[in-house]
C-alpha atoms as a PDB file:
ATOM      1  CA  MET A   1       0.000   0.000   0.000  1.00  0.00           C
ATOM      2  CA  GLN A   2       2.661   2.502   1.018  1.00  0.00           C
ATOM      3  CA  ALA A   3       4.691   1.889  -2.157  1.00  0.00           C
ATOM      4  CA  ALA A   4       1.669   2.811  -4.281  1.00  0.00           C
ATOM      5  CA  LEU A   5       0.960   5.998  -2.319  1.00  0.00           C
ATOM      6  CA  ASP A   6       4.471   7.453  -2.080  1.00  0.00           C
ATOM      7  CA  PRO A   7       4.668   8.583  -5.750  1.00  0.00           C
ATOM      8  CA  MET A   8       1.384  10.486  -5.416  1.00  0.00           C
ATOM      9  CA  LEU A   9       2.613  12.194  -2.261  1.00  0.00           C
ATOM     10  CA  ALA A  10       5.859  13.178  -3.987  1.00  0.00           C
ATOM     11  CA  VAL A  11       4.012  14.977  -6.775  1.00  0.00           C
ATOM     12  CA  SER A  12       1.369  16.634  -4.602  1.00  0.00           C
ATOM     13  CA  LYS A  13       3.701  17.315  -1.673  1.00  0.00           C
ATOM     14  CA  GLY A  14       0.786  15.971   0.327  1.00  0.00           C
ATOM     15  CA  ARG A  15       0.706  13.952   3.488  1.00  0.00           C
ATOM     16  CA  LEU A  16      -0.737  10.582   4.314  1.00  0.00           C
ATOM     17  CA  ILE A  17      -3.106  10.292   7.256  1.00  0.00           C
ATOM     18  CA  GLU A  18      -3.871   6.779   8.438  1.00  0.00           C
ATOM     19  CA  MET A  19      -6.665   6.281  10.922  1.00  0.00           C
ATOM     20  CA  SER A  20      -7.605   2.943  12.371  1.00  0.00           C
ATOM     21  CA  SER A  21      -8.177   0.971  15.474  1.00  0.00           C
ATOM     22  CA  PRO A  22      -5.526  -1.716  15.889  1.00  0.00           C
ATOM     23  CA  ASN A  23      -6.156  -5.131  14.385  1.00  0.00           C
ATOM     24  CA  GLY A  24      -3.611  -7.271  16.176  1.00  0.00           C
ATOM     25  CA  LYS A  25       0.155  -7.177  16.312  1.00  0.00           C
ATOM     26  CA  ARG A  26       0.636  -7.607  12.577  1.00  0.00           C
ATOM     27  CA  GLY A  27       0.332  -5.789   9.285  1.00  0.00           C
ATOM     28  CA  HIS A  28       1.031  -2.352   7.909  1.00  0.00           C
ATOM     29  CA  PHE A  29      -0.711  -0.281  10.582  1.00  0.00           C
ATOM     30  CA  TYR A  30       1.020  -2.105  13.449  1.00  0.00           C
ATOM     31  CA  GLU A  31       4.453  -1.962  11.796  1.00  0.00           C
ATOM     32  CA  ASN A  32       4.084   1.718  10.962  1.00  0.00           C
ATOM     33  CA  TRP A  33       2.877   2.506  14.485  1.00  0.00           C
ATOM     34  CA  GLN A  34       5.770   0.599  16.072  1.00  0.00           C
ATOM     35  CA  GLY A  35       8.635   1.766  13.890  1.00  0.00           C
ATOM     36  CA  GLY A  36       7.520   3.918  10.992  1.00  0.00           C
ATOM     37  CA  ILE A  37       9.953   6.601   9.855  1.00  0.00           C
ATOM     38  CA  ASP A  38       8.733  10.206  10.012  1.00  0.00           C
ATOM     39  CA  VAL A  39       5.436   9.104  11.571  1.00  0.00           C
ATOM     40  CA  GLU A  40       3.486  11.295  13.944  1.00  0.00           C
ATOM     41  CA  ARG A  41       1.469   9.065  16.253  1.00  0.00           C
ATOM     42  CA  ILE A  42      -1.702  10.361  17.842  1.00  0.00           C
ATOM     43  CA  LYS A  43      -3.681   8.047  20.087  1.00  0.00           C
ATOM     44  CA  ILE A  44      -7.146   8.959  21.293  1.00  0.00           C
ATOM     45  CA  VAL A  45      -8.984   6.476  23.479  1.00  0.00           C
ATOM     46  CA  GLY A  46     -12.731   6.254  23.983  1.00  0.00           C
ATOM     47  CA  ARG A  47     -12.795   7.751  27.459  1.00  0.00           C
ATOM     48  CA  GLU A  48     -11.015  10.885  26.134  1.00  0.00           C
ATOM     49  CA  CYS A  49     -13.736  11.566  23.562  1.00  0.00           C
ATOM     50  CA  PRO A  50     -16.431  13.846  25.022  1.00  0.00           C
ATOM     51  CA  ARG A  51     -18.950  12.535  22.470  1.00  0.00           C
ATOM     52  CA  ILE A  52     -18.805   8.988  23.872  1.00  0.00           C
ATOM     53  CA  ALA A  53     -20.707   8.482  27.122  1.00  0.00           C
ATOM     54  CA  ALA A  54     -19.148   6.490  29.951  1.00  0.00           C
ATOM     55  CA  GLU A  55     -22.301   4.342  30.071  1.00  0.00           C
ATOM     56  CA  PHE A  56     -21.831   3.389  26.418  1.00  0.00           C
ATOM     57  CA  LEU A  57     -18.208   2.450  27.037  1.00  0.00           C
ATOM     58  CA  GLU A  58     -19.198   0.236  29.945  1.00  0.00           C
ATOM     59  CA  LYS A  59     -21.820  -1.511  27.802  1.00  0.00           C
ATOM     60  CA  MET A  60     -19.202  -2.086  25.115  1.00  0.00           C
ATOM     61  CA  ARG A  61     -16.745  -3.451  27.679  1.00  0.00           C
ATOM     62  CA  GLN A  62     -19.363  -5.975  28.799  1.00  0.00           C
ATOM     63  CA  LYS A  63     -20.427  -6.815  25.231  1.00  0.00           C
ATOM     64  CA  LEU A  64     -16.953  -7.156  23.679  1.00  0.00           C
ATOM     65  CA  GLY A  65     -14.955  -8.488  26.603  1.00  0.00           C
ATOM     66  CA  PRO A  66     -11.666  -7.038  27.849  1.00  0.00           C
ATOM     67  CA  MET A  67      -9.429  -7.921  24.890  1.00  0.00           C
ATOM     68  CA  LEU A  68     -11.609  -6.681  22.042  1.00  0.00           C
ATOM     69  CA  TYR A  69     -12.677  -3.650  24.079  1.00  0.00           C
ATOM     70  CA  SER A  70      -9.058  -2.662  24.681  1.00  0.00           C
ATOM     71  CA  GLN A  71      -8.377  -2.960  20.964  1.00  0.00           C
ATOM     72  CA  GLU A  72     -11.415  -0.998  19.766  1.00  0.00           C
ATOM     73  CA  PHE A  73     -11.774   1.634  22.488  1.00  0.00           C
ATOM     74  CA  GLU A  74      -8.306   1.902  24.052  1.00  0.00           C
ATOM     75  CA  GLY A  75      -6.166   1.586  20.931  1.00  0.00           C
ATOM     76  CA  GLU A  76      -4.222  -1.442  22.164  1.00  0.00           C
ATOM     77  CA  PHE A  77      -2.489  -3.813  19.774  1.00  0.00           C
ATOM     78  CA  ILE A  78      -3.440  -7.242  21.083  1.00  0.00           C
ATOM     79  CA  ASP A  79      -2.748 -10.754  19.901  1.00  0.00           C
ATOM     80  CA  ALA A  80      -5.577 -12.565  18.171  1.00  0.00           C
ATOM     81  CA  GLU A  81      -7.581 -14.828  20.457  1.00  0.00           C
ATOM     82  CA  SER A  82      -6.842 -17.655  18.044  1.00  0.00           C
ATOM     83  CA  SER A  83      -3.070 -17.330  18.594  1.00  0.00           C
ATOM     84  CA  ALA A  84      -1.558 -20.401  20.195  1.00  0.00           C
ATOM     85  CA  PHE A  85       1.104 -18.251  21.893  1.00  0.00           C
ATOM     86  CA  SER A  86       1.156 -14.573  22.780  1.00  0.00           C
ATOM     87  CA  SER A  87       3.699 -12.380  21.028  1.00  0.00           C
ATOM     88  CA  GLU A  88       5.335 -11.784  24.434  1.00  0.00           C
ATOM     89  CA  MET A  89       5.848 -15.530  24.925  1.00  0.00           C
ATOM     90  CA  ILE A  90       7.358 -15.858  21.454  1.00  0.00           C
ATOM     91  CA  GLU A  91       9.651 -12.894  22.069  1.00  0.00           C
ATOM     92  CA  LEU A  92      10.869 -14.443  25.333  1.00  0.00           C
ATOM     93  CA  ALA A  93      11.626 -17.710  23.533  1.00  0.00           C
ATOM     94  CA  LEU A  94      13.862 -16.017  20.958  1.00  0.00           C
ATOM     95  CA  VAL A  95      17.472 -15.671  22.006  1.00  0.00           C
ATOM     96  CA  SER A  96      20.569 -14.562  20.171  1.00  0.00           C
ATOM     97  CA  ASP A  97      23.201 -15.439  22.773  1.00  0.00           C
ATOM     98  CA  PHE A  98      22.948 -19.236  22.756  1.00  0.00           C
ATOM     99  CA  GLU A  99      26.010 -21.466  22.764  1.00  0.00           C
ATOM    100  CA  LYS A 100      26.643 -23.754  19.828  1.00  0.00           C
ATOM    101  CA  PHE A 101      27.229 -27.395  20.583  1.00  0.00           C
ATOM    102  CA  PRO A 102      30.446 -28.912  19.231  1.00  0.00           C
END
Protein backbone atom coordinates (compact mmCIF):
# COMPACT_ATOMS: atom_id res chain seq x y z
CA MET A 1 0.00 0.00 0.00
CA GLN A 2 2.66 2.50 1.02
CA ALA A 3 4.69 1.89 -2.16
CA ALA A 4 1.67 2.81 -4.28
CA LEU A 5 0.96 6.00 -2.32
CA ASP A 6 4.47 7.45 -2.08
CA PRO A 7 4.67 8.58 -5.75
CA MET A 8 1.38 10.49 -5.42
CA LEU A 9 2.61 12.19 -2.26
CA ALA A 10 5.86 13.18 -3.99
CA VAL A 11 4.01 14.98 -6.78
CA SER A 12 1.37 16.63 -4.60
CA LYS A 13 3.70 17.31 -1.67
CA GLY A 14 0.79 15.97 0.33
CA ARG A 15 0.71 13.95 3.49
CA LEU A 16 -0.74 10.58 4.31
CA ILE A 17 -3.11 10.29 7.26
CA GLU A 18 -3.87 6.78 8.44
CA MET A 19 -6.67 6.28 10.92
CA SER A 20 -7.61 2.94 12.37
CA SER A 21 -8.18 0.97 15.47
CA PRO A 22 -5.53 -1.72 15.89
CA ASN A 23 -6.16 -5.13 14.39
CA GLY A 24 -3.61 -7.27 16.18
CA LYS A 25 0.16 -7.18 16.31
CA ARG A 26 0.64 -7.61 12.58
CA GLY A 27 0.33 -5.79 9.29
CA HIS A 28 1.03 -2.35 7.91
CA PHE A 29 -0.71 -0.28 10.58
CA TYR A 30 1.02 -2.10 13.45
CA GLU A 31 4.45 -1.96 11.80
CA ASN A 32 4.08 1.72 10.96
CA TRP A 33 2.88 2.51 14.49
CA GLN A 34 5.77 0.60 16.07
CA GLY A 35 8.64 1.77 13.89
CA GLY A 36 7.52 3.92 10.99
CA ILE A 37 9.95 6.60 9.86
CA ASP A 38 8.73 10.21 10.01
CA VAL A 39 5.44 9.10 11.57
CA GLU A 40 3.49 11.29 13.94
CA ARG A 41 1.47 9.06 16.25
CA ILE A 42 -1.70 10.36 17.84
CA LYS A 43 -3.68 8.05 20.09
CA ILE A 44 -7.15 8.96 21.29
CA VAL A 45 -8.98 6.48 23.48
CA GLY A 46 -12.73 6.25 23.98
CA ARG A 47 -12.79 7.75 27.46
CA GLU A 48 -11.02 10.88 26.13
CA CYS A 49 -13.74 11.57 23.56
CA PRO A 50 -16.43 13.85 25.02
CA ARG A 51 -18.95 12.54 22.47
CA ILE A 52 -18.81 8.99 23.87
CA ALA A 53 -20.71 8.48 27.12
CA ALA A 54 -19.15 6.49 29.95
CA GLU A 55 -22.30 4.34 30.07
CA PHE A 56 -21.83 3.39 26.42
CA LEU A 57 -18.21 2.45 27.04
CA GLU A 58 -19.20 0.24 29.95
CA LYS A 59 -21.82 -1.51 27.80
CA MET A 60 -19.20 -2.09 25.12
CA ARG A 61 -16.75 -3.45 27.68
CA GLN A 62 -19.36 -5.97 28.80
CA LYS A 63 -20.43 -6.82 25.23
CA LEU A 64 -16.95 -7.16 23.68
CA GLY A 65 -14.95 -8.49 26.60
CA PRO A 66 -11.67 -7.04 27.85
CA MET A 67 -9.43 -7.92 24.89
CA LEU A 68 -11.61 -6.68 22.04
CA TYR A 69 -12.68 -3.65 24.08
CA SER A 70 -9.06 -2.66 24.68
CA GLN A 71 -8.38 -2.96 20.96
CA GLU A 72 -11.41 -1.00 19.77
CA PHE A 73 -11.77 1.63 22.49
CA GLU A 74 -8.31 1.90 24.05
CA GLY A 75 -6.17 1.59 20.93
CA GLU A 76 -4.22 -1.44 22.16
CA PHE A 77 -2.49 -3.81 19.77
CA ILE A 78 -3.44 -7.24 21.08
CA ASP A 79 -2.75 -10.75 19.90
CA ALA A 80 -5.58 -12.56 18.17
CA GLU A 81 -7.58 -14.83 20.46
CA SER A 82 -6.84 -17.66 18.04
CA SER A 83 -3.07 -17.33 18.59
CA ALA A 84 -1.56 -20.40 20.19
CA PHE A 85 1.10 -18.25 21.89
CA SER A 86 1.16 -14.57 22.78
CA SER A 87 3.70 -12.38 21.03
CA GLU A 88 5.34 -11.78 24.43
CA MET A 89 5.85 -15.53 24.93
CA ILE A 90 7.36 -15.86 21.45
CA GLU A 91 9.65 -12.89 22.07
CA LEU A 92 10.87 -14.44 25.33
CA ALA A 93 11.63 -17.71 23.53
CA LEU A 94 13.86 -16.02 20.96
CA VAL A 95 17.47 -15.67 22.01
CA SER A 96 20.57 -14.56 20.17
CA ASP A 97 23.20 -15.44 22.77
CA PHE A 98 22.95 -19.24 22.76
CA GLU A 99 26.01 -21.47 22.76
CA LYS A 100 26.64 -23.75 19.83
CA PHE A 101 27.23 -27.39 20.58
CA PRO A 102 30.45 -28.91 19.23
